[in-house]
C-alpha cells in the first residue's frame, strides 16, 4: 500500500457534511470539526461562529501528534480518544481511520456519555466514507486520472509569480 494524496470531490464532501450535521443534532453539540493529521480542516458543522477554524484545526492535529508521542513513551501505539473539560465548553477528540480526526465541541446541553455514543456511530460511518475516498484516490493515481496529474511545479510557480 502506498500513501496517495487524498482527493475529495464535491459529492464526497457533501456526504461527510451530512454525517457531521446529523452528529451536531444527535449529540446536541456546539460544533463538529473534521481535520486531517496534517492540520488541514476538512469539514465543519454547528454553531461555532467566530472561531478561527484554521488555528483550531492546526492545534487539534498538534494535540494528536503530542499525545501520540506520550503514548509511545508509555508503551501504547496511540491514544485514539481524548477528552478536555473546560468551564463552559468541552472537547471530545477521536481518531477516524488512520488519517482523520473528529472533534466535537459541546457544553452543558449535552453529556460526555451522549457524545461518546453518537461519535461511535458517526465515526464508523466517517471511517467507511474516508476509506472509499482513499480507494478512489488510489485507483485514480494508478490510472493517472488524478485531477492534478498534469499540473507541474512550474505551473504552480507561474501562478504565483509577478
N, C-alpha and C. Protein backbone atom coordinates (compact mmCIF):
# COMPACT_ATOMS: atom_id res chain seq x y z
N UNK A 1 0.84 -1.19 0.00
CA UNK A 1 0.00 0.00 0.00
C UNK A 1 0.88 1.24 0.00
N UNK A 2 0.54 2.21 -0.82
CA UNK A 2 1.29 3.45 -0.87
C UNK A 2 0.40 4.60 -0.42
N UNK A 3 1.04 5.65 0.06
CA UNK A 3 0.31 6.80 0.58
C UNK A 3 0.04 7.77 -0.55
N UNK A 4 -1.22 7.87 -0.95
CA UNK A 4 -1.59 8.77 -2.04
C UNK A 4 -2.19 10.05 -1.46
N UNK A 5 -2.19 11.07 -2.30
CA UNK A 5 -2.86 12.32 -1.93
C UNK A 5 -4.36 12.04 -1.96
N UNK A 6 -5.04 12.40 -0.90
CA UNK A 6 -6.47 12.18 -0.82
C UNK A 6 -7.18 13.27 -1.61
N UNK A 7 -7.91 12.89 -2.64
CA UNK A 7 -8.64 13.85 -3.46
C UNK A 7 -10.12 13.69 -3.15
N UNK A 8 -10.70 14.75 -2.59
CA UNK A 8 -12.09 14.72 -2.20
C UNK A 8 -12.91 15.55 -3.17
N UNK A 9 -13.87 14.93 -3.79
CA UNK A 9 -14.75 15.62 -4.72
C UNK A 9 -15.93 16.22 -3.96
N UNK A 10 -16.68 17.07 -4.63
CA UNK A 10 -17.80 17.77 -4.00
C UNK A 10 -18.81 16.79 -3.41
N UNK A 11 -19.10 15.71 -4.12
CA UNK A 11 -20.05 14.72 -3.62
C UNK A 11 -19.54 14.06 -2.34
N UNK A 12 -18.23 13.78 -2.30
CA UNK A 12 -17.62 13.20 -1.10
C UNK A 12 -17.78 14.16 0.08
N UNK A 13 -17.48 15.42 -0.15
CA UNK A 13 -17.59 16.43 0.91
C UNK A 13 -19.04 16.55 1.38
N UNK A 14 -19.97 16.50 0.47
CA UNK A 14 -21.39 16.60 0.81
C UNK A 14 -21.81 15.43 1.72
N UNK A 15 -21.31 14.22 1.42
CA UNK A 15 -21.64 13.05 2.25
C UNK A 15 -21.04 13.18 3.65
N UNK A 16 -19.83 13.68 3.73
CA UNK A 16 -19.18 13.89 5.03
C UNK A 16 -19.94 14.96 5.82
N UNK A 17 -20.30 16.04 5.15
CA UNK A 17 -21.04 17.13 5.80
C UNK A 17 -22.38 16.63 6.35
N UNK A 18 -23.05 15.75 5.62
CA UNK A 18 -24.33 15.21 6.09
C UNK A 18 -24.14 14.42 7.40
N UNK A 19 -23.07 13.66 7.48
CA UNK A 19 -22.80 12.87 8.69
C UNK A 19 -22.54 13.79 9.88
N UNK A 20 -21.71 14.82 9.70
CA UNK A 20 -21.38 15.67 10.84
C UNK A 20 -22.52 16.62 11.21
N UNK A 21 -23.34 17.00 10.25
CA UNK A 21 -24.52 17.80 10.57
C UNK A 21 -25.51 16.99 11.40
N UNK A 22 -25.65 15.72 11.07
CA UNK A 22 -26.51 14.83 11.85
C UNK A 22 -25.92 14.64 13.26
N UNK A 23 -24.58 14.54 13.33
CA UNK A 23 -23.93 14.38 14.63
C UNK A 23 -24.13 15.60 15.51
N UNK A 24 -24.11 16.79 14.95
CA UNK A 24 -24.38 18.01 15.72
C UNK A 24 -25.73 17.89 16.41
N UNK A 25 -26.74 17.48 15.65
CA UNK A 25 -28.09 17.35 16.20
C UNK A 25 -28.17 16.21 17.22
N UNK A 26 -27.68 15.03 16.84
CA UNK A 26 -27.82 13.84 17.69
C UNK A 26 -27.06 13.95 19.01
N UNK A 27 -25.90 14.62 18.99
CA UNK A 27 -25.09 14.76 20.20
C UNK A 27 -25.38 16.07 20.92
N UNK A 28 -26.24 16.90 20.34
CA UNK A 28 -26.54 18.22 20.89
C UNK A 28 -25.25 19.01 21.09
N UNK A 29 -24.41 18.99 20.06
CA UNK A 29 -23.09 19.62 20.12
C UNK A 29 -23.14 21.05 19.60
N UNK A 30 -22.15 21.82 20.01
CA UNK A 30 -22.00 23.19 19.50
C UNK A 30 -21.30 23.20 18.16
N UNK A 31 -20.34 22.29 17.99
CA UNK A 31 -19.59 22.26 16.74
C UNK A 31 -18.91 20.93 16.52
N UNK A 32 -18.75 20.59 15.26
CA UNK A 32 -18.06 19.37 14.85
C UNK A 32 -17.03 19.77 13.81
N UNK A 33 -15.84 19.24 13.95
CA UNK A 33 -14.75 19.52 13.01
C UNK A 33 -14.10 18.22 12.58
N UNK A 34 -13.85 18.10 11.28
CA UNK A 34 -13.06 17.00 10.74
C UNK A 34 -11.75 17.62 10.27
N UNK A 35 -10.64 17.08 10.77
CA UNK A 35 -9.32 17.61 10.50
C UNK A 35 -8.43 16.45 10.09
N UNK A 36 -7.55 16.64 9.11
CA UNK A 36 -6.60 15.57 8.83
C UNK A 36 -5.40 15.71 9.77
N UNK A 37 -4.58 14.68 9.84
CA UNK A 37 -3.47 14.69 10.79
C UNK A 37 -2.41 15.74 10.47
N UNK A 38 -2.49 16.34 9.30
CA UNK A 38 -1.57 17.42 8.94
C UNK A 38 -2.10 18.78 9.38
N UNK A 39 -3.31 18.81 9.94
CA UNK A 39 -3.89 20.06 10.42
C UNK A 39 -4.79 20.77 9.44
N UNK A 40 -5.12 20.12 8.34
CA UNK A 40 -6.00 20.71 7.33
C UNK A 40 -7.46 20.48 7.71
N UNK A 41 -8.24 21.56 7.79
CA UNK A 41 -9.66 21.44 8.08
C UNK A 41 -10.36 20.83 6.87
N UNK A 42 -11.09 19.75 7.09
CA UNK A 42 -11.78 19.06 6.00
C UNK A 42 -13.25 19.49 5.95
N UNK A 43 -13.90 19.53 7.11
CA UNK A 43 -15.32 19.91 7.17
C UNK A 43 -15.65 20.38 8.57
N UNK A 44 -16.71 21.19 8.66
CA UNK A 44 -17.17 21.67 9.96
C UNK A 44 -18.68 21.85 9.92
N UNK A 45 -19.29 21.74 11.09
CA UNK A 45 -20.73 21.93 11.21
C UNK A 45 -21.03 22.45 12.61
N UNK A 46 -22.15 23.13 12.74
CA UNK A 46 -22.57 23.59 14.06
C UNK A 46 -22.65 25.09 14.15
N UNK A 47 -22.69 25.58 15.38
CA UNK A 47 -22.96 26.98 15.66
C UNK A 47 -21.75 27.72 16.23
N UNK A 48 -20.56 27.30 15.90
CA UNK A 48 -19.35 27.90 16.48
C UNK A 48 -18.93 29.12 15.66
N UNK A 49 -19.71 30.17 15.71
CA UNK A 49 -19.41 31.39 14.98
C UNK A 49 -18.24 32.13 15.63
N UNK A 50 -17.39 32.70 14.81
CA UNK A 50 -16.30 33.50 15.31
C UNK A 50 -15.08 32.72 15.74
N UNK A 51 -15.09 31.41 15.56
CA UNK A 51 -13.93 30.59 15.92
C UNK A 51 -12.97 30.54 14.74
N UNK A 52 -11.70 30.72 15.02
CA UNK A 52 -10.67 30.61 13.98
C UNK A 52 -10.46 29.13 13.69
N UNK A 53 -11.21 28.61 12.73
CA UNK A 53 -11.19 27.17 12.46
C UNK A 53 -9.86 26.70 11.89
N UNK A 54 -9.11 27.58 11.24
CA UNK A 54 -7.80 27.20 10.73
C UNK A 54 -6.84 26.92 11.89
N UNK A 55 -6.81 27.80 12.87
CA UNK A 55 -5.99 27.59 14.05
C UNK A 55 -6.47 26.38 14.84
N UNK A 56 -7.79 26.26 14.97
CA UNK A 56 -8.37 25.13 15.68
C UNK A 56 -7.92 23.81 15.06
N UNK A 57 -7.96 23.73 13.74
CA UNK A 57 -7.56 22.51 13.04
C UNK A 57 -6.09 22.21 13.26
N UNK A 58 -5.27 23.22 13.15
CA UNK A 58 -3.83 23.05 13.33
C UNK A 58 -3.49 22.60 14.75
N UNK A 59 -4.10 23.24 15.73
CA UNK A 59 -3.84 22.88 17.12
C UNK A 59 -4.38 21.49 17.46
N UNK A 60 -5.49 21.11 16.86
CA UNK A 60 -6.04 19.77 17.08
C UNK A 60 -5.07 18.71 16.57
N UNK A 61 -4.54 18.92 15.39
CA UNK A 61 -3.56 17.98 14.84
C UNK A 61 -2.31 17.95 15.71
N UNK A 62 -1.89 19.10 16.22
CA UNK A 62 -0.74 19.15 17.11
C UNK A 62 -0.99 18.40 18.40
N UNK A 63 -2.19 18.50 18.92
CA UNK A 63 -2.58 17.77 20.14
C UNK A 63 -2.48 16.26 19.90
N UNK A 64 -2.98 15.82 18.77
CA UNK A 64 -2.92 14.39 18.43
C UNK A 64 -1.47 13.94 18.30
N UNK A 65 -0.65 14.75 17.66
CA UNK A 65 0.76 14.40 17.49
C UNK A 65 1.46 14.33 18.84
N UNK A 66 1.20 15.30 19.70
CA UNK A 66 1.85 15.33 21.02
C UNK A 66 1.44 14.13 21.87
N UNK A 67 0.15 13.83 21.89
CA UNK A 67 -0.28 12.70 22.71
C UNK A 67 0.14 11.37 22.08
N UNK A 68 0.35 11.37 20.77
CA UNK A 68 0.92 10.18 20.13
C UNK A 68 2.32 9.91 20.65
N UNK A 69 3.09 10.97 20.85
CA UNK A 69 4.43 10.84 21.43
C UNK A 69 4.36 10.33 22.86
N UNK A 70 3.42 10.87 23.63
CA UNK A 70 3.23 10.39 25.00
C UNK A 70 2.85 8.90 25.02
N UNK A 71 1.97 8.52 24.10
CA UNK A 71 1.53 7.12 24.04
C UNK A 71 2.71 6.19 23.80
N UNK A 72 3.57 6.55 22.89
CA UNK A 72 4.74 5.71 22.60
C UNK A 72 5.66 5.58 23.81
N UNK A 73 5.82 6.67 24.56
CA UNK A 73 6.68 6.63 25.75
C UNK A 73 6.16 5.64 26.79
N UNK A 74 4.82 5.57 26.94
CA UNK A 74 4.25 4.65 27.93
C UNK A 74 3.90 3.29 27.35
N UNK A 75 4.31 3.06 26.09
CA UNK A 75 4.12 1.73 25.50
C UNK A 75 2.83 1.51 24.74
N UNK A 76 2.10 2.57 24.46
CA UNK A 76 0.88 2.47 23.65
C UNK A 76 1.20 2.89 22.22
N UNK A 77 0.41 2.40 21.28
CA UNK A 77 0.59 2.83 19.90
C UNK A 77 0.05 4.25 19.72
N UNK A 78 -1.17 4.48 20.23
CA UNK A 78 -1.83 5.79 20.15
C UNK A 78 -2.86 5.88 21.25
N UNK A 79 -3.29 7.09 21.54
CA UNK A 79 -4.47 7.31 22.37
C UNK A 79 -5.55 7.78 21.40
N UNK A 80 -6.46 6.91 21.00
CA UNK A 80 -7.42 7.27 19.95
C UNK A 80 -8.52 8.22 20.38
N UNK A 81 -8.73 8.38 21.68
CA UNK A 81 -9.79 9.26 22.16
C UNK A 81 -9.24 10.20 23.22
N UNK A 82 -9.63 11.47 23.10
CA UNK A 82 -9.19 12.50 24.04
C UNK A 82 -10.43 13.24 24.53
N UNK A 83 -10.39 13.65 25.79
CA UNK A 83 -11.46 14.47 26.33
C UNK A 83 -10.84 15.61 27.12
N UNK A 84 -11.29 16.82 26.83
CA UNK A 84 -10.82 18.01 27.54
C UNK A 84 -12.05 18.71 28.11
N UNK A 85 -12.05 18.91 29.42
CA UNK A 85 -13.18 19.53 30.09
C UNK A 85 -12.82 20.96 30.47
N UNK A 86 -13.68 21.89 30.06
CA UNK A 86 -13.49 23.29 30.39
C UNK A 86 -14.59 23.79 31.30
N UNK A 87 -14.54 25.06 31.63
CA UNK A 87 -15.58 25.64 32.48
C UNK A 87 -16.91 25.76 31.73
N UNK A 88 -16.83 26.12 30.43
CA UNK A 88 -18.04 26.27 29.62
C UNK A 88 -18.17 25.18 28.58
N UNK A 89 -17.07 24.93 27.88
CA UNK A 89 -17.10 24.00 26.76
C UNK A 89 -16.17 22.83 26.99
N UNK A 90 -16.50 21.73 26.35
CA UNK A 90 -15.71 20.51 26.43
C UNK A 90 -15.36 20.07 25.02
N UNK A 91 -14.25 19.35 24.90
CA UNK A 91 -13.82 18.81 23.61
C UNK A 91 -13.72 17.31 23.70
N UNK A 92 -14.29 16.64 22.73
CA UNK A 92 -14.12 15.19 22.58
C UNK A 92 -13.45 15.01 21.23
N UNK A 93 -12.25 14.44 21.26
CA UNK A 93 -11.46 14.27 20.05
C UNK A 93 -11.20 12.79 19.85
N UNK A 94 -11.45 12.30 18.65
CA UNK A 94 -11.22 10.89 18.37
C UNK A 94 -10.63 10.72 16.98
N UNK A 95 -9.82 9.70 16.83
CA UNK A 95 -9.23 9.39 15.53
C UNK A 95 -10.22 8.59 14.71
N UNK A 96 -10.30 8.94 13.44
CA UNK A 96 -11.18 8.24 12.50
C UNK A 96 -10.30 7.68 11.40
N UNK A 97 -10.21 6.36 11.35
CA UNK A 97 -9.32 5.75 10.37
C UNK A 97 -7.88 6.09 10.72
N UNK A 98 -7.03 6.13 9.75
CA UNK A 98 -5.61 6.38 10.00
C UNK A 98 -5.19 7.82 9.81
N UNK A 99 -6.04 8.65 9.19
CA UNK A 99 -5.55 9.99 8.88
C UNK A 99 -6.48 11.13 9.25
N UNK A 100 -7.64 10.84 9.83
CA UNK A 100 -8.59 11.90 10.15
C UNK A 100 -8.87 12.00 11.64
N UNK A 101 -9.25 13.20 12.06
CA UNK A 101 -9.56 13.49 13.45
C UNK A 101 -10.96 14.09 13.50
N UNK A 102 -11.78 13.59 14.40
CA UNK A 102 -13.13 14.11 14.60
C UNK A 102 -13.16 14.82 15.95
N UNK A 103 -13.47 16.11 15.95
CA UNK A 103 -13.56 16.86 17.19
C UNK A 103 -14.98 17.36 17.39
N UNK A 104 -15.51 17.11 18.59
CA UNK A 104 -16.84 17.56 18.98
C UNK A 104 -16.68 18.58 20.10
N UNK A 105 -17.26 19.75 19.92
CA UNK A 105 -17.30 20.77 20.96
C UNK A 105 -18.72 20.76 21.52
N UNK A 106 -18.81 20.60 22.85
CA UNK A 106 -20.14 20.56 23.46
C UNK A 106 -20.11 21.25 24.82
N UNK A 107 -21.29 21.61 25.30
CA UNK A 107 -21.42 22.30 26.58
C UNK A 107 -22.42 21.56 27.46
N UNK A 108 -22.99 22.26 28.44
CA UNK A 108 -23.88 21.62 29.41
C UNK A 108 -25.18 21.10 28.79
N UNK A 109 -25.48 21.48 27.57
CA UNK A 109 -26.69 20.97 26.91
C UNK A 109 -26.56 19.51 26.54
N UNK A 110 -25.34 18.98 26.60
CA UNK A 110 -25.10 17.59 26.25
C UNK A 110 -24.31 16.94 27.38
N UNK A 111 -23.94 15.69 27.19
CA UNK A 111 -23.13 14.98 28.18
C UNK A 111 -22.06 14.18 27.46
N UNK A 112 -21.00 13.86 28.20
CA UNK A 112 -19.93 13.07 27.62
C UNK A 112 -20.44 11.71 27.16
N UNK A 113 -21.33 11.11 27.92
CA UNK A 113 -21.89 9.81 27.54
C UNK A 113 -22.63 9.87 26.22
N UNK A 114 -23.46 10.88 26.05
CA UNK A 114 -24.21 11.03 24.80
C UNK A 114 -23.26 11.28 23.64
N UNK A 115 -22.28 12.15 23.86
CA UNK A 115 -21.32 12.45 22.79
C UNK A 115 -20.57 11.19 22.38
N UNK A 116 -20.09 10.43 23.35
CA UNK A 116 -19.35 9.19 23.04
C UNK A 116 -20.22 8.21 22.25
N UNK A 117 -21.47 8.07 22.68
CA UNK A 117 -22.39 7.16 21.99
C UNK A 117 -22.60 7.58 20.54
N UNK A 118 -22.86 8.86 20.32
CA UNK A 118 -23.13 9.35 18.96
C UNK A 118 -21.87 9.36 18.10
N UNK A 119 -20.71 9.65 18.73
CA UNK A 119 -19.45 9.67 17.98
C UNK A 119 -19.09 8.26 17.51
N UNK A 120 -19.41 7.28 18.30
CA UNK A 120 -19.09 5.89 17.91
C UNK A 120 -19.77 5.54 16.58
N UNK A 121 -21.04 5.86 16.47
CA UNK A 121 -21.77 5.57 15.24
C UNK A 121 -21.28 6.43 14.08
N UNK A 122 -21.18 7.74 14.30
CA UNK A 122 -20.75 8.65 13.23
C UNK A 122 -19.31 8.36 12.82
N UNK A 123 -18.46 8.03 13.80
CA UNK A 123 -17.06 7.72 13.49
C UNK A 123 -16.92 6.52 12.57
N UNK A 124 -17.74 5.51 12.81
CA UNK A 124 -17.72 4.32 11.94
C UNK A 124 -18.15 4.69 10.52
N UNK A 125 -19.18 5.50 10.43
CA UNK A 125 -19.67 5.92 9.12
C UNK A 125 -18.63 6.78 8.39
N UNK A 126 -18.00 7.68 9.12
CA UNK A 126 -16.95 8.52 8.52
C UNK A 126 -15.74 7.68 8.10
N UNK A 127 -15.36 6.72 8.92
CA UNK A 127 -14.22 5.85 8.57
C UNK A 127 -14.51 5.13 7.26
N UNK A 128 -15.73 4.65 7.10
CA UNK A 128 -16.11 3.97 5.86
C UNK A 128 -16.05 4.93 4.67
N UNK A 129 -16.56 6.15 4.85
CA UNK A 129 -16.52 7.14 3.77
C UNK A 129 -15.09 7.49 3.39
N UNK A 130 -14.23 7.71 4.39
CA UNK A 130 -12.84 8.06 4.08
C UNK A 130 -12.10 6.90 3.42
N UNK A 131 -12.45 5.69 3.78
CA UNK A 131 -11.83 4.53 3.13
C UNK A 131 -12.25 4.47 1.65
N UNK A 132 -13.52 4.74 1.37
CA UNK A 132 -13.99 4.79 -0.03
C UNK A 132 -13.25 5.88 -0.81
N UNK A 133 -13.11 7.06 -0.21
CA UNK A 133 -12.43 8.18 -0.86
C UNK A 133 -10.98 7.81 -1.13
N UNK A 134 -10.34 7.19 -0.15
CA UNK A 134 -8.94 6.77 -0.29
C UNK A 134 -8.78 5.77 -1.43
N UNK A 135 -9.67 4.80 -1.50
CA UNK A 135 -9.59 3.80 -2.57
C UNK A 135 -9.78 4.44 -3.94
N UNK A 136 -10.73 5.37 -4.04
CA UNK A 136 -10.93 6.08 -5.31
C UNK A 136 -9.68 6.86 -5.69
N UNK A 137 -9.07 7.52 -4.72
CA UNK A 137 -7.86 8.30 -4.97
C UNK A 137 -6.72 7.41 -5.44
N UNK A 138 -6.57 6.25 -4.80
CA UNK A 138 -5.51 5.32 -5.19
C UNK A 138 -5.74 4.78 -6.60
N UNK A 139 -6.99 4.45 -6.93
CA UNK A 139 -7.30 3.96 -8.26
C UNK A 139 -7.02 5.03 -9.32
N UNK A 140 -7.40 6.27 -9.02
CA UNK A 140 -7.13 7.37 -9.96
C UNK A 140 -5.63 7.58 -10.14
N UNK A 141 -4.88 7.47 -9.05
CA UNK A 141 -3.42 7.65 -9.13
C UNK A 141 -2.79 6.54 -9.96
N UNK A 142 -3.27 5.33 -9.80
CA UNK A 142 -2.72 4.19 -10.57
C UNK A 142 -3.03 4.34 -12.06
N UNK A 143 -4.20 4.89 -12.37
CA UNK A 143 -4.60 5.08 -13.77
C UNK A 143 -4.04 6.37 -14.34
N UNK A 144 -3.54 7.24 -13.47
CA UNK A 144 -3.07 8.55 -13.93
C UNK A 144 -4.20 9.51 -14.18
N UNK A 145 -5.37 9.26 -13.56
CA UNK A 145 -6.56 10.09 -13.75
C UNK A 145 -6.69 11.21 -12.74
N UNK A 146 -5.69 11.43 -11.93
CA UNK A 146 -5.78 12.45 -10.90
C UNK A 146 -6.01 13.81 -11.54
N UNK A 147 -6.88 14.63 -10.94
CA UNK A 147 -7.10 15.97 -11.49
C UNK A 147 -5.84 16.83 -11.42
N UNK A 148 -4.85 16.40 -10.66
CA UNK A 148 -3.61 17.15 -10.51
C UNK A 148 -2.46 16.56 -11.31
N UNK A 149 -2.73 15.51 -12.08
CA UNK A 149 -1.67 14.78 -12.77
C UNK A 149 -0.89 15.67 -13.75
N UNK A 150 -1.59 16.54 -14.46
CA UNK A 150 -0.90 17.34 -15.48
C UNK A 150 -0.34 18.66 -14.95
N UNK A 151 -0.54 18.96 -13.67
CA UNK A 151 -0.03 20.19 -13.10
C UNK A 151 1.41 19.96 -12.63
N UNK A 152 2.30 20.82 -13.09
CA UNK A 152 3.71 20.70 -12.72
C UNK A 152 4.07 21.76 -11.70
N UNK A 153 5.25 21.62 -11.10
CA UNK A 153 5.75 22.63 -10.17
C UNK A 153 5.91 23.98 -10.87
N UNK A 154 6.33 23.94 -12.15
CA UNK A 154 6.47 25.18 -12.92
C UNK A 154 5.13 25.88 -13.09
N UNK A 155 4.06 25.09 -13.32
CA UNK A 155 2.73 25.67 -13.45
C UNK A 155 2.33 26.41 -12.17
N UNK A 156 2.61 25.79 -11.03
CA UNK A 156 2.29 26.40 -9.75
C UNK A 156 3.12 27.67 -9.54
N UNK A 157 4.43 27.60 -9.85
CA UNK A 157 5.28 28.78 -9.72
C UNK A 157 4.80 29.91 -10.59
N UNK A 158 4.36 29.60 -11.81
CA UNK A 158 3.86 30.63 -12.73
C UNK A 158 2.59 31.30 -12.21
N UNK A 159 1.76 30.54 -11.49
CA UNK A 159 0.53 31.10 -10.93
C UNK A 159 0.83 32.19 -9.93
N UNK A 160 1.91 32.01 -9.15
CA UNK A 160 2.19 32.91 -8.06
C UNK A 160 3.34 33.89 -8.35
N UNK A 161 3.83 33.90 -9.57
CA UNK A 161 4.90 34.85 -9.90
C UNK A 161 4.28 36.17 -10.35
N UNK A 162 5.06 37.22 -10.19
CA UNK A 162 4.58 38.56 -10.57
C UNK A 162 4.70 38.81 -12.05
